[in-house]
Amino acid sequence: IMKKQEPRKHHYIPRFILKNFNDNNGQVNYWDIKKNKLEKRNIKSVFMNIDMYRDETINEQDPTQIESKFAIFECEIAKLISEKILNKNEITLKKSELEQLRIFITLLAFRSNSRMNQYINNSFNESTRDTLLKYQPDGNFEKLWRRELDILATCRSYEEIEQSDLIDPIIKLDFFNDLEGFYMTFVDARGGEFLLSDIYPTLEVFPIIDINIHLHCILPLSPTRMLLLNHIMFKKEYKDNSVFKNMAKLSKITGEATVQPKCKHNFNCFANKDSEYIYKVRKVYAHDIEYINALILNETKIGVIFRNAEKIIESVKLFNERSDTKQKFLELEKQLYNVLDSNNQ
């Protein structure tokens, strides 16, 4: 009997998002941090690891069960994004669709390359480690990470997450904090394009003593459309809260980008299963695009993709001129100018 061909390339950023960054030749421009080199790549070879989610202990007969479950979830969300989100100026989502999308976004952060490394390297504080040991007494947290991914990949409602005895309370808290602490908006880029990096979503963070307050979660869906999760401090009902008001001033993503969606059932909207949410897609311009791209570049660990050199060069140049960044992309800037020169010849 022929053995079933296993998918080996496991993408931690779904290909249905990556393909939106393809150029006319069906490739992305990829900046590889390690090589310090700009390349044309097929999306099959970016933001993935070989056998990343493979685990024989979960299902010996099908060690790529987690990847298969992700593929099913991705198909559902890809359909939702392509039919209802990508090319609409006004987006209407049912409560069930919104729940699925929000779970998917939090799952993207949990299944990421950087989160995997946190579990492999046991990079937790003592209280988190003690909680996780109750779920994985041998301290093999990488195994725990995969086991919880396997469960979460089939969850389509917050009720399922809440009721599962196999998901640890820290992860449950992550999912519910994301839902209750943030609301979603969509923006379109005018006068520039968004980059996308291996850190997806990217956070706009404000550090307060030992904790980081997440002001925004940034998820480019295409070079011109972005999904934003905004901290509830940006909601108009909190505008008189002095603490939130002062914290909101720390963000440069404000105004149009943070306008709340409308709900067809204003009374206890999220509790009503028939609720629909209406999002008007807002526009952001060069100054905002450059700032958002700076946040993305600053957090990048492995690489960056983009569609059009001309549309992102100003972002890279201005990022390199900042004095408050963790890293520089001077060589990328140089190679982008080379690309533009050769295109103009």
C-alpha atoms as a PDB file:
ATOM      1  CA  ILE A   1       0.000   0.000   0.000  1.00  0.00           C
ATOM      2  CA  MET A   2       1.344   3.405  -0.922  1.00  0.00           C
ATOM      3  CA  LYS A   3       1.867   5.642   2.093  1.00  0.00           C
ATOM      4  CA  LYS A   4      -0.124   8.869   2.107  1.00  0.00           C
ATOM      5  CA  GLN A   5       1.992  11.856   1.050  1.00  0.00           C
ATOM      6  CA  GLU A   6       2.409  14.080   4.099  1.00  0.00           C
ATOM      7  CA  PRO A   7       2.390  17.864   3.749  1.00  0.00           C
ATOM      8  CA  ARG A   8       5.881  18.850   4.978  1.00  0.00           C
ATOM      9  CA  LYS A   9       5.781  22.646   4.618  1.00  0.00           C
ATOM     10  CA  HIS A  10       3.688  23.956   7.481  1.00  0.00           C
ATOM     11  CA  HIS A  11       2.878  27.655   7.111  1.00  0.00           C
ATOM     12  CA  TYR A  12       2.351  29.634  10.309  1.00  0.00           C
ATOM     13  CA  ILE A  13       0.940  32.467   8.176  1.00  0.00           C
ATOM     14  CA  PRO A  14      -1.735  30.987   5.888  1.00  0.00           C
ATOM     15  CA  ARG A  15      -1.050  30.923   2.176  1.00  0.00           C
ATOM     16  CA  PHE A  16      -4.464  32.451   1.392  1.00  0.00           C
ATOM     17  CA  ILE A  17      -3.113  35.665   2.984  1.00  0.00           C
ATOM     18  CA  LEU A  18       0.407  35.414   1.524  1.00  0.00           C
ATOM     19  CA  LYS A  19      -0.902  35.030  -2.036  1.00  0.00           C
ATOM     20  CA  ASN A  20      -2.489  38.481  -1.851  1.00  0.00           C
ATOM     21  CA  PHE A  21       1.067  39.879  -1.846  1.00  0.00           C
ATOM     22  CA  ASN A  22       1.999  38.160  -5.129  1.00  0.00           C
ATOM     23  CA  ASP A  23       3.203  40.374  -7.981  1.00  0.00           C
ATOM     24  CA  ASN A  24       2.058  39.952 -11.603  1.00  0.00           C
ATOM     25  CA  ASN A  25       4.412  36.967 -11.982  1.00  0.00           C
ATOM     26  CA  GLY A  26       2.884  35.116  -9.041  1.00  0.00           C
ATOM     27  CA  GLN A  27       5.813  35.764  -6.692  1.00  0.00           C
ATOM     28  CA  VAL A  28       6.446  37.906  -3.625  1.00  0.00           C
ATOM     29  CA  ASN A  29       9.409  40.146  -2.917  1.00  0.00           C
ATOM     30  CA  TYR A  30      11.050  38.601   0.147  1.00  0.00           C
ATOM     31  CA  TRP A  31      13.652  40.215   2.367  1.00  0.00           C
ATOM     32  CA  ASP A  32      15.617  37.554   4.228  1.00  0.00           C
ATOM     33  CA  ILE A  33      17.109  39.061   7.409  1.00  0.00           C
ATOM     34  CA  LYS A  34      19.747  36.344   7.830  1.00  0.00           C
ATOM     35  CA  LYS A  35      20.973  36.509   4.226  1.00  0.00           C
ATOM     36  CA  ASN A  36      20.543  40.301   4.060  1.00  0.00           C
ATOM     37  CA  LYS A  37      19.176  39.745   0.597  1.00  0.00           C
ATOM     38  CA  LEU A  38      16.128  40.667  -1.477  1.00  0.00           C
ATOM     39  CA  GLU A  39      14.710  37.697  -3.391  1.00  0.00           C
ATOM     40  CA  LYS A  40      11.750  36.735  -5.536  1.00  0.00           C
ATOM     41  CA  ARG A  41      10.020  33.829  -3.824  1.00  0.00           C
ATOM     42  CA  ASN A  42       7.081  31.534  -4.282  1.00  0.00           C
ATOM     43  CA  ILE A  43       4.806  31.799  -1.231  1.00  0.00           C
ATOM     44  CA  LYS A  44       5.272  28.046  -0.658  1.00  0.00           C
ATOM     45  CA  SER A  45       8.734  28.823   0.715  1.00  0.00           C
ATOM     46  CA  VAL A  46       8.026  31.764   3.051  1.00  0.00           C
ATOM     47  CA  PHE A  47       6.834  31.907   6.676  1.00  0.00           C
ATOM     48  CA  MET A  48       6.810  28.153   7.138  1.00  0.00           C
ATOM     49  CA  ASN A  49       8.792  25.405   8.872  1.00  0.00           C
ATOM     50  CA  ILE A  50       9.225  21.802   7.807  1.00  0.00           C
ATOM     51  CA  ASP A  51       6.983  19.513   9.910  1.00  0.00           C
ATOM     52  CA  MET A  52       6.237  22.341  12.347  1.00  0.00           C
ATOM     53  CA  TYR A  53       2.950  20.851  13.616  1.00  0.00           C
ATOM     54  CA  ARG A  54       3.820  17.173  13.055  1.00  0.00           C
ATOM     55  CA  ASP A  55       3.167  15.044  16.134  1.00  0.00           C
ATOM     56  CA  GLU A  56       2.946  11.247  16.281  1.00  0.00           C
ATOM     57  CA  THR A  57       1.793  11.232  19.921  1.00  0.00           C
ATOM     58  CA  ILE A  58      -1.548  12.841  19.030  1.00  0.00           C
ATOM     59  CA  ASN A  59      -2.324  10.528  16.115  1.00  0.00           C
ATOM     60  CA  GLU A  60       0.199   7.857  15.146  1.00  0.00           C
ATOM     61  CA  GLN A  61      -1.741   6.977  11.985  1.00  0.00           C
ATOM     62  CA  ASP A  62      -1.863  10.634  10.866  1.00  0.00           C
ATOM     63  CA  PRO A  63       0.998  12.657  12.406  1.00  0.00           C
ATOM     64  CA  THR A  64      -0.014  15.736  10.379  1.00  0.00           C
ATOM     65  CA  GLN A  65      -3.486  15.832  11.921  1.00  0.00           C
ATOM     66  CA  ILE A  66      -2.955  19.366  13.295  1.00  0.00           C
ATOM     67  CA  GLU A  67      -1.889  20.712   9.900  1.00  0.00           C
ATOM     68  CA  SER A  68      -4.956  19.042   8.330  1.00  0.00           C
ATOM     69  CA  LYS A  69      -7.244  20.685  10.899  1.00  0.00           C
ATOM     70  CA  PHE A  70      -5.626  24.064  10.230  1.00  0.00           C
ATOM     71  CA  ALA A  71      -6.212  23.547   6.497  1.00  0.00           C
ATOM     72  CA  ILE A  72      -9.961  23.063   7.123  1.00  0.00           C
ATOM     73  CA  PHE A  73     -10.182  26.170   9.347  1.00  0.00           C
ATOM     74  CA  GLU A  74      -8.145  28.200   6.829  1.00  0.00           C
ATOM     75  CA  CYS A  75     -10.507  27.216   3.997  1.00  0.00           C
ATOM     76  CA  GLU A  76     -13.473  28.530   5.994  1.00  0.00           C
ATOM     77  CA  ILE A  77     -11.741  31.832   6.857  1.00  0.00           C
ATOM     78  CA  ALA A  78     -10.314  32.230   3.329  1.00  0.00           C
ATOM     79  CA  LYS A  79     -13.867  31.998   1.954  1.00  0.00           C
ATOM     80  CA  LEU A  80     -15.129  34.526   4.520  1.00  0.00           C
ATOM     81  CA  ILE A  81     -12.307  36.977   3.769  1.00  0.00           C
ATOM     82  CA  SER A  82     -12.491  36.694  -0.024  1.00  0.00           C
ATOM     83  CA  GLU A  83     -16.306  36.887  -0.211  1.00  0.00           C
ATOM     84  CA  LYS A  84     -17.101  39.351   2.577  1.00  0.00           C
ATOM     85  CA  ILE A  85     -13.988  41.329   3.531  1.00  0.00           C
ATOM     86  CA  LEU A  86     -11.304  41.872   0.900  1.00  0.00           C
ATOM     87  CA  ASN A  87     -13.020  43.977  -1.736  1.00  0.00           C
ATOM     88  CA  LYS A  88     -15.966  45.504   0.083  1.00  0.00           C
ATOM     89  CA  ASN A  89     -16.266  49.118   1.254  1.00  0.00           C
ATOM     90  CA  GLU A  90     -18.817  48.048   3.844  1.00  0.00           C
ATOM     91  CA  ILE A  91     -18.415  44.700   5.568  1.00  0.00           C
ATOM     92  CA  THR A  92     -21.292  42.888   7.298  1.00  0.00           C
ATOM     93  CA  LEU A  93     -20.481  39.929   9.530  1.00  0.00           C
ATOM     94  CA  LYS A  94     -22.841  37.675  11.460  1.00  0.00           C
ATOM     95  CA  LYS A  95     -21.994  36.978  15.089  1.00  0.00           C
ATOM     96  CA  SER A  96     -20.981  33.383  14.246  1.00  0.00           C
ATOM     97  CA  GLU A  97     -18.632  34.629  11.477  1.00  0.00           C
ATOM     98  CA  LEU A  98     -17.140  37.220  13.796  1.00  0.00           C
ATOM     99  CA  GLU A  99     -16.502  34.594  16.496  1.00  0.00           C
ATOM    100  CA  GLN A 100     -14.790  32.282  14.019  1.00  0.00           C
ATOM    101  CA  LEU A 101     -12.629  35.098  12.662  1.00  0.00           C
ATOM    102  CA  ARG A 102     -11.636  36.329  16.129  1.00  0.00           C
ATOM    103  CA  ILE A 103     -10.737  32.787  17.259  1.00  0.00           C
ATOM    104  CA  PHE A 104      -8.712  32.334  14.070  1.00  0.00           C
ATOM    105  CA  ILE A 105      -6.762  35.573  14.727  1.00  0.00           C
ATOM    106  CA  THR A 106      -5.860  34.595  18.304  1.00  0.00           C
ATOM    107  CA  LEU A 107      -4.941  31.130  17.024  1.00  0.00           C
ATOM    108  CA  LEU A 108      -2.578  32.748  14.471  1.00  0.00           C
ATOM    109  CA  ALA A 109      -0.652  34.310  17.362  1.00  0.00           C
ATOM    110  CA  PHE A 110      -0.632  31.015  19.297  1.00  0.00           C
ATOM    111  CA  ARG A 111       0.514  28.859  16.356  1.00  0.00           C
ATOM    112  CA  SER A 112       3.283  31.291  15.333  1.00  0.00           C
ATOM    113  CA  ASN A 113       6.984  30.596  14.998  1.00  0.00           C
ATOM    114  CA  SER A 114       7.829  32.882  17.940  1.00  0.00           C
ATOM    115  CA  ARG A 115       5.220  31.214  20.188  1.00  0.00           C
ATOM    116  CA  MET A 116       6.564  27.763  19.275  1.00  0.00           C
ATOM    117  CA  ASN A 117      10.054  28.902  20.309  1.00  0.00           C
ATOM    118  CA  GLN A 118       8.688  30.184  23.629  1.00  0.00           C
ATOM    119  CA  TYR A 119       7.364  26.690  24.397  1.00  0.00           C
ATOM    120  CA  ILE A 120      10.509  24.918  23.138  1.00  0.00           C
ATOM    121  CA  ASN A 121      12.803  27.189  25.187  1.00  0.00           C
ATOM    122  CA  ASN A 122      10.509  27.170  28.245  1.00  0.00           C
ATOM    123  CA  SER A 123      10.519  30.999  28.295  1.00  0.00           C
ATOM    124  CA  PHE A 124       7.815  31.481  30.917  1.00  0.00           C
ATOM    125  CA  ASN A 125       7.635  33.225  34.245  1.00  0.00           C
ATOM    126  CA  GLU A 126       7.335  31.023  37.335  1.00  0.00           C
ATOM    127  CA  SER A 127       3.565  31.256  37.844  1.00  0.00           C
ATOM    128  CA  THR A 128       2.868  30.477  34.146  1.00  0.00           C
ATOM    129  CA  ARG A 129       5.290  27.538  34.286  1.00  0.00           C
ATOM    130  CA  ASP A 130       3.586  26.163  37.438  1.00  0.00           C
ATOM    131  CA  THR A 131       0.169  26.339  35.739  1.00  0.00           C
ATOM    132  CA  LEU A 132       1.459  24.660  32.566  1.00  0.00           C
ATOM    133  CA  LEU A 133       3.096  21.859  34.567  1.00  0.00           C
ATOM    134  CA  LYS A 134      -0.365  20.806  35.764  1.00  0.00           C
ATOM    135  CA  TYR A 135      -1.201  20.109  32.105  1.00  0.00           C
ATOM    136  CA  GLN A 136       2.242  18.750  31.147  1.00  0.00           C
ATOM    137  CA  PRO A 137       3.933  17.312  34.289  1.00  0.00           C
ATOM    138  CA  ASP A 138       7.094  16.229  32.426  1.00  0.00           C
ATOM    139  CA  GLY A 139       7.781  19.868  31.407  1.00  0.00           C
ATOM    140  CA  ASN A 140       7.781  19.063  27.672  1.00  0.00           C
ATOM    141  CA  PHE A 141       5.958  22.277  26.790  1.00  0.00           C
ATOM    142  CA  GLU A 142       6.457  21.877  23.049  1.00  0.00           C
ATOM    143  CA  LYS A 143       4.299  18.746  23.290  1.00  0.00           C
ATOM    144  CA  LEU A 144       1.689  20.693  25.291  1.00  0.00           C
ATOM    145  CA  TRP A 145       1.701  23.469  22.671  1.00  0.00           C
ATOM    146  CA  ARG A 146       0.921  20.983  19.877  1.00  0.00           C
ATOM    147  CA  ARG A 147      -1.747  19.193  21.909  1.00  0.00           C
ATOM    148  CA  GLU A 148      -3.561  22.470  22.602  1.00  0.00           C
ATOM    149  CA  LEU A 149      -3.229  23.539  18.958  1.00  0.00           C
ATOM    150  CA  ASP A 150      -4.888  20.265  17.998  1.00  0.00           C
ATOM    151  CA  ILE A 151      -7.929  21.130  20.160  1.00  0.00           C
ATOM    152  CA  LEU A 152      -8.103  24.836  19.298  1.00  0.00           C
ATOM    153  CA  ALA A 153      -7.966  24.119  15.555  1.00  0.00           C
ATOM    154  CA  THR A 154     -11.457  22.593  15.788  1.00  0.00           C
ATOM    155  CA  CYS A 155     -13.023  25.324  17.982  1.00  0.00           C
ATOM    156  CA  ARG A 156     -15.405  27.665  16.173  1.00  0.00           C
ATOM    157  CA  SER A 157     -17.044  29.308  19.203  1.00  0.00           C
ATOM    158  CA  TYR A 158     -15.826  30.753  22.481  1.00  0.00           C
ATOM    159  CA  GLU A 159     -18.206  28.422  24.279  1.00  0.00           C
ATOM    160  CA  GLU A 160     -16.233  25.419  22.972  1.00  0.00           C
ATOM    161  CA  ILE A 161     -12.968  26.944  24.237  1.00  0.00           C
ATOM    162  CA  GLU A 162     -14.460  27.755  27.616  1.00  0.00           C
ATOM    163  CA  GLN A 163     -15.929  24.280  28.102  1.00  0.00           C
ATOM    164  CA  SER A 164     -12.795  22.325  27.150  1.00  0.00           C
ATOM    165  CA  ASP A 165     -11.027  20.669  30.120  1.00  0.00           C
ATOM    166  CA  LEU A 166      -7.947  20.082  27.971  1.00  0.00           C
ATOM    167  CA  ILE A 167      -7.113  23.731  27.251  1.00  0.00           C
ATOM    168  CA  ASP A 168      -5.082  25.335  30.022  1.00  0.00           C
ATOM    169  CA  PRO A 169      -6.493  28.454  31.772  1.00  0.00           C
ATOM    170  CA  ILE A 170      -3.688  30.741  30.517  1.00  0.00           C
ATOM    171  CA  ILE A 171      -4.575  30.035  26.885  1.00  0.00           C
ATOM    172  CA  LYS A 172      -8.296  30.394  27.626  1.00  0.00           C
ATOM    173  CA  LEU A 173      -7.523  33.765  29.198  1.00  0.00           C
ATOM    174  CA  ASP A 174      -5.582  34.819  26.068  1.00  0.00           C
ATOM    175  CA  PHE A 175      -8.584  34.047  23.858  1.00  0.00           C
ATOM    176  CA  PHE A 176     -11.095  35.807  26.113  1.00  0.00           C
ATOM    177  CA  ASN A 177      -8.819  38.818  26.734  1.00  0.00           C
ATOM    178  CA  ASP A 178      -8.474  39.254  22.965  1.00  0.00           C
ATOM    179  CA  LEU A 179     -12.245  39.076  22.527  1.00  0.00           C
ATOM    180  CA  GLU A 180     -13.249  41.311  25.435  1.00  0.00           C
ATOM    181  CA  GLY A 181     -10.316  43.698  25.379  1.00  0.00           C
ATOM    182  CA  PHE A 182     -10.265  44.511  21.645  1.00  0.00           C
ATOM    183  CA  TYR A 183     -12.676  45.381  18.863  1.00  0.00           C
ATOM    184  CA  MET A 184     -12.119  45.019  15.141  1.00  0.00           C
ATOM    185  CA  THR A 185     -11.864  47.565  12.318  1.00  0.00           C
ATOM    186  CA  PHE A 186     -10.692  47.503   8.694  1.00  0.00           C
ATOM    187  CA  VAL A 187      -8.568  50.061   6.843  1.00  0.00           C
ATOM    188  CA  ASP A 188      -7.453  50.638   3.267  1.00  0.00           C
ATOM    189  CA  ALA A 189      -4.038  52.016   2.326  1.00  0.00           C
ATOM    190  CA  ARG A 190      -3.915  55.074   0.065  1.00  0.00           C
ATOM    191  CA  GLY A 191      -0.562  56.380  -1.157  1.00  0.00           C
ATOM    192  CA  GLY A 192       1.499  53.345  -0.182  1.00  0.00           C
ATOM    193  CA  GLU A 193       1.242  49.647   0.624  1.00  0.00           C
ATOM    194  CA  PHE A 194       1.549  47.490   3.719  1.00  0.00           C
ATOM    195  CA  LEU A 195       4.391  45.094   4.390  1.00  0.00           C
ATOM    196  CA  LEU A 196       3.895  41.703   6.023  1.00  0.00           C
ATOM    197  CA  SER A 197       6.439  40.003   8.308  1.00  0.00           C
ATOM    198  CA  ASP A 198       6.876  36.718  10.192  1.00  0.00           C
ATOM    199  CA  ILE A 199       5.494  38.390  13.356  1.00  0.00           C
ATOM    200  CA  TYR A 200       1.792  38.166  12.552  1.00  0.00           C
ATOM    201  CA  PRO A 201      -0.140  39.811  14.062  1.00  0.00           C
ATOM    202  CA  THR A 202       2.242  42.667  14.918  1.00  0.00           C
ATOM    203  CA  LEU A 203       1.470  44.595  18.099  1.00  0.00           C
ATOM    204  CA  GLU A 204       1.652  48.283  18.866  1.00  0.00           C
ATOM    205  CA  VAL A 205       2.805  48.058  22.463  1.00  0.00           C
ATOM    206  CA  PHE A 206       3.221  50.507  25.312  1.00  0.00           C
ATOM    207  CA  PRO A 207       5.366  49.210  28.196  1.00  0.00           C
ATOM    208  CA  ILE A 208       4.224  50.059  31.736  1.00  0.00           C
ATOM    209  CA  ILE A 209       6.687  48.840  34.417  1.00  0.00           C
ATOM    210  CA  ASP A 210       6.621  45.009  34.005  1.00  0.00           C
ATOM    211  CA  ILE A 211       3.746  44.689  31.556  1.00  0.00           C
ATOM    212  CA  ASN A 212       3.158  45.583  27.934  1.00  0.00           C
ATOM    213  CA  ILE A 213      -0.178  47.197  27.121  1.00  0.00           C
ATOM    214  CA  HIS A 214      -1.249  46.104  23.640  1.00  0.00           C
ATOM    215  CA  LEU A 215      -2.777  49.153  21.975  1.00  0.00           C
ATOM    216  CA  HIS A 216      -3.367  47.561  18.561  1.00  0.00           C
ATOM    217  CA  CYS A 217      -2.918  44.216  16.787  1.00  0.00           C
ATOM    218  CA  ILE A 218      -2.040  44.699  13.122  1.00  0.00           C
ATOM    219  CA  LEU A 219      -2.919  42.098  10.470  1.00  0.00           C
ATOM    220  CA  PRO A 220      -2.363  43.051   6.818  1.00  0.00           C
ATOM    221  CA  LEU A 221      -4.717  40.931   4.686  1.00  0.00           C
ATOM    222  CA  SER A 222      -3.334  42.317   1.424  1.00  0.00           C
ATOM    223  CA  PRO A 223      -0.952  45.149   0.437  1.00  0.00           C
ATOM    224  CA  THR A 224      -3.872  47.594   0.655  1.00  0.00           C
ATOM    225  CA  ARG A 225      -6.303  46.132   3.204  1.00  0.00           C
ATOM    226  CA  MET A 226      -5.619  45.652   6.887  1.00  0.00           C
ATOM    227  CA  LEU A 227      -7.550  44.201   9.794  1.00  0.00           C
ATOM    228  CA  LEU A 228      -6.945  46.017  13.078  1.00  0.00           C
ATOM    229  CA  LEU A 229      -7.770  44.942  16.593  1.00  0.00           C
ATOM    230  CA  ASN A 230      -8.035  48.060  18.736  1.00  0.00           C
ATOM    231  CA  HIS A 231      -7.894  48.123  22.529  1.00  0.00           C
ATOM    232  CA  ILE A 232     -11.276  49.036  24.040  1.00  0.00           C
ATOM    233  CA  MET A 233      -9.684  52.273  25.349  1.00  0.00           C
ATOM    234  CA  PHE A 234     -10.307  53.689  21.840  1.00  0.00           C
ATOM    235  CA  LYS A 235     -14.077  53.147  22.084  1.00  0.00           C
ATOM    236  CA  LYS A 236     -16.071  56.342  22.387  1.00  0.00           C
ATOM    237  CA  GLU A 237     -17.722  55.222  25.641  1.00  0.00           C
ATOM    238  CA  TYR A 238     -14.300  55.344  27.312  1.00  0.00           C
ATOM    239  CA  LYS A 239     -13.317  58.796  26.063  1.00  0.00           C
ATOM    240  CA  ASP A 240     -14.008  60.330  29.516  1.00  0.00           C
ATOM    241  CA  ASN A 241     -11.980  57.679  31.357  1.00  0.00           C
ATOM    242  CA  SER A 242      -8.828  59.635  32.258  1.00  0.00           C
ATOM    243  CA  VAL A 243      -6.507  56.592  32.431  1.00  0.00           C
ATOM    244  CA  PHE A 244      -7.682  55.218  29.080  1.00  0.00           C
ATOM    245  CA  LYS A 245      -7.667  58.705  27.569  1.00  0.00           C
ATOM    246  CA  ASN A 246      -3.999  59.245  28.478  1.00  0.00           C
ATOM    247  CA  MET A 247      -3.010  55.777  27.299  1.00  0.00           C
ATOM    248  CA  ALA A 248      -4.863  56.208  23.988  1.00  0.00           C
ATOM    249  CA  LYS A 249      -2.755  59.308  23.326  1.00  0.00           C
ATOM    250  CA  LEU A 250       0.339  57.059  23.222  1.00  0.00           C
ATOM    251  CA  SER A 251      -0.894  55.445  20.011  1.00  0.00           C
ATOM    252  CA  LYS A 252      -0.372  56.917  16.568  1.00  0.00           C
ATOM    253  CA  ILE A 253      -3.178  54.754  15.144  1.00  0.00           C
ATOM    254  CA  THR A 254      -6.250  56.833  15.938  1.00  0.00           C
ATOM    255  CA  GLY A 255      -9.167  58.675  14.352  1.00  0.00           C
ATOM    256  CA  GLU A 256     -10.781  56.999  11.366  1.00  0.00           C
ATOM    257  CA  ALA A 257      -8.903  53.719  11.870  1.00  0.00           C
ATOM    258  CA  THR A 258     -10.523  53.171  15.289  1.00  0.00           C
ATOM    259  CA  VAL A 259     -14.179  54.036  14.496  1.00  0.00           C
ATOM    260  CA  GLN A 260     -16.340  51.275  16.001  1.00  0.00           C
ATOM    261  CA  PRO A 261     -18.563  49.030  13.887  1.00  0.00           C
ATOM    262  CA  LYS A 262     -22.337  49.395  14.101  1.00  0.00           C
ATOM    263  CA  CYS A 263     -24.427  46.579  15.464  1.00  0.00           C
ATOM    264  CA  LYS A 264     -27.933  45.799  14.231  1.00  0.00           C
ATOM    265  CA  HIS A 265     -28.893  44.763  17.784  1.00  0.00           C
ATOM    266  CA  ASN A 266     -27.578  47.506  20.035  1.00  0.00           C
ATOM    267  CA  PHE A 267     -28.802  45.867  23.229  1.00  0.00           C
ATOM    268  CA  ASN A 268     -26.263  43.271  24.433  1.00  0.00           C
ATOM    269  CA  CYS A 269     -25.031  42.804  20.924  1.00  0.00           C
ATOM    270  CA  PHE A 270     -22.550  39.970  21.404  1.00  0.00           C
ATOM    271  CA  ALA A 271     -25.030  37.880  23.412  1.00  0.00           C
ATOM    272  CA  ASN A 272     -27.528  37.925  20.548  1.00  0.00           C
ATOM    273  CA  LYS A 273     -26.752  35.075  18.127  1.00  0.00           C
ATOM    274  CA  ASP A 274     -28.576  36.882  15.284  1.00  0.00           C
ATOM    275  CA  SER A 275     -26.514  40.057  15.675  1.00  0.00           C
ATOM    276  CA  GLU A 276     -24.808  41.503  12.625  1.00  0.00           C
ATOM    277  CA  TYR A 277     -21.840  43.842  12.730  1.00  0.00           C
ATOM    278  CA  ILE A 278     -21.381  46.485  10.047  1.00  0.00           C
ATOM    279  CA  TYR A 279     -17.865  47.766   9.395  1.00  0.00           C
ATOM    280  CA  LYS A 280     -17.214  50.772   7.189  1.00  0.00           C
ATOM    281  CA  VAL A 281     -13.740  50.428   5.704  1.00  0.00           C
ATOM    282  CA  ARG A 282     -11.700  53.532   6.619  1.00  0.00           C
ATOM    283  CA  LYS A 283      -8.826  54.998   4.646  1.00  0.00           C
ATOM    284  CA  VAL A 284      -5.304  55.596   5.951  1.00  0.00           C
ATOM    285  CA  TYR A 285      -2.729  57.680   4.123  1.00  0.00           C
ATOM    286  CA  ALA A 286       1.059  57.774   3.664  1.00  0.00           C
ATOM    287  CA  HIS A 287       1.919  59.015   7.163  1.00  0.00           C
ATOM    288  CA  ASP A 288      -0.127  56.250   8.861  1.00  0.00           C
ATOM    289  CA  ILE A 289       1.018  53.542   6.431  1.00  0.00           C
ATOM    290  CA  GLU A 290       4.663  54.454   7.105  1.00  0.00           C
ATOM    291  CA  TYR A 291       4.087  54.260  10.869  1.00  0.00           C
ATOM    292  CA  ILE A 292       2.305  50.869  10.627  1.00  0.00           C
ATOM    293  CA  ASN A 293       5.099  49.538   8.410  1.00  0.00           C
ATOM    294  CA  ALA A 294       7.650  50.826  10.951  1.00  0.00           C
ATOM    295  CA  LEU A 295       5.936  48.753  13.670  1.00  0.00           C
ATOM    296  CA  ILE A 296       6.074  45.695  11.393  1.00  0.00           C
ATOM    297  CA  LEU A 297       9.753  46.213  10.468  1.00  0.00           C
ATOM    298  CA  ASN A 298      10.743  46.795  14.079  1.00  0.00           C
ATOM    299  CA  GLU A 299       9.372  43.411  15.218  1.00  0.00           C
ATOM    300  CA  THR A 300      10.530  41.344  12.215  1.00  0.00           C
ATOM    301  CA  LYS A 301      12.725  38.387  13.129  1.00  0.00           C
ATOM    302  CA  ILE A 302      12.981  36.269   9.972  1.00  0.00           C
ATOM    303  CA  GLY A 303      11.812  38.228   6.944  1.00  0.00           C
ATOM    304  CA  VAL A 304       9.407  40.602   5.249  1.00  0.00           C
ATOM    305  CA  ILE A 305       7.294  40.271   2.109  1.00  0.00           C
ATOM    306  CA  PHE A 306       5.777  42.983  -0.074  1.00  0.00           C
ATOM    307  CA  ARG A 307       4.266  43.367  -3.517  1.00  0.00           C
ATOM    308  CA  ASN A 308       5.747  46.539  -4.972  1.00  0.00           C
ATOM    309  CA  ALA A 309       9.178  48.053  -4.237  1.00  0.00           C
ATOM    310  CA  GLU A 310       8.093  51.537  -5.268  1.00  0.00           C
ATOM    311  CA  LYS A 311       5.130  51.496  -2.861  1.00  0.00           C
ATOM    312  CA  ILE A 312       7.145  50.522   0.246  1.00  0.00           C
ATOM    313  CA  ILE A 313      10.518  52.218  -0.259  1.00  0.00           C
ATOM    314  CA  GLU A 314       9.472  55.390   1.578  1.00  0.00           C
ATOM    315  CA  SER A 315       8.403  53.308   4.606  1.00  0.00           C
ATOM    316  CA  VAL A 316      11.814  51.570   4.718  1.00  0.00           C
ATOM    317  CA  LYS A 317      13.718  54.834   4.241  1.00  0.00           C
ATOM    318  CA  LEU A 318      11.798  56.621   7.014  1.00  0.00           C
ATOM    319  CA  PHE A 319      12.181  53.614   9.319  1.00  0.00           C
ATOM    320  CA  ASN A 320      15.949  53.720   8.857  1.00  0.00           C
ATOM    321  CA  GLU A 321      15.954  57.426   9.729  1.00  0.00           C
ATOM    322  CA  ARG A 322      14.232  56.830  13.099  1.00  0.00           C
ATOM    323  CA  SER A 323      16.349  56.827  16.253  1.00  0.00           C
ATOM    324  CA  ASP A 324      14.081  54.563  18.344  1.00  0.00           C
ATOM    325  CA  THR A 325      14.201  51.236  16.454  1.00  0.00           C
ATOM    326  CA  LYS A 326      15.522  47.812  17.483  1.00  0.00           C
ATOM    327  CA  GLN A 327      17.147  47.220  14.107  1.00  0.00           C
ATOM    328  CA  LYS A 328      17.871  48.834  10.732  1.00  0.00           C
ATOM    329  CA  PHE A 329      17.142  47.801   7.146  1.00  0.00           C
ATOM    330  CA  LEU A 330      19.836  49.866   5.389  1.00  0.00           C
ATOM    331  CA  GLU A 331      20.803  47.090   2.986  1.00  0.00           C
ATOM    332  CA  LEU A 332      17.134  46.520   2.064  1.00  0.00           C
ATOM    333  CA  GLU A 333      16.794  50.237   1.320  1.00  0.00           C
ATOM    334  CA  LYS A 334      19.859  50.098  -0.938  1.00  0.00           C
ATOM    335  CA  GLN A 335      18.613  47.020  -2.802  1.00  0.00           C
ATOM    336  CA  LEU A 336      15.150  48.577  -3.238  1.00  0.00           C
ATOM    337  CA  TYR A 337      16.728  51.596  -4.935  1.00  0.00           C
ATOM    338  CA  ASN A 338      18.652  49.197  -7.201  1.00  0.00           C
ATOM    339  CA  VAL A 339      15.373  47.505  -8.160  1.00  0.00           C
ATOM    340  CA  LEU A 340      13.765  50.853  -8.982  1.00  0.00           C
ATOM    341  CA  ASP A 341      16.789  51.950 -11.022  1.00  0.00           C
ATOM    342  CA  SER A 342      16.748  48.756 -13.078  1.00  0.00           C
ATOM    343  CA  ASN A 343      12.961  49.097 -13.586  1.00  0.00           C
ATOM    344  CA  ASN A 344      13.426  52.654 -14.872  1.00  0.00           C
ATOM    345  CA  GLN A 345      16.148  51.797 -17.370  1.00  0.00           C
END
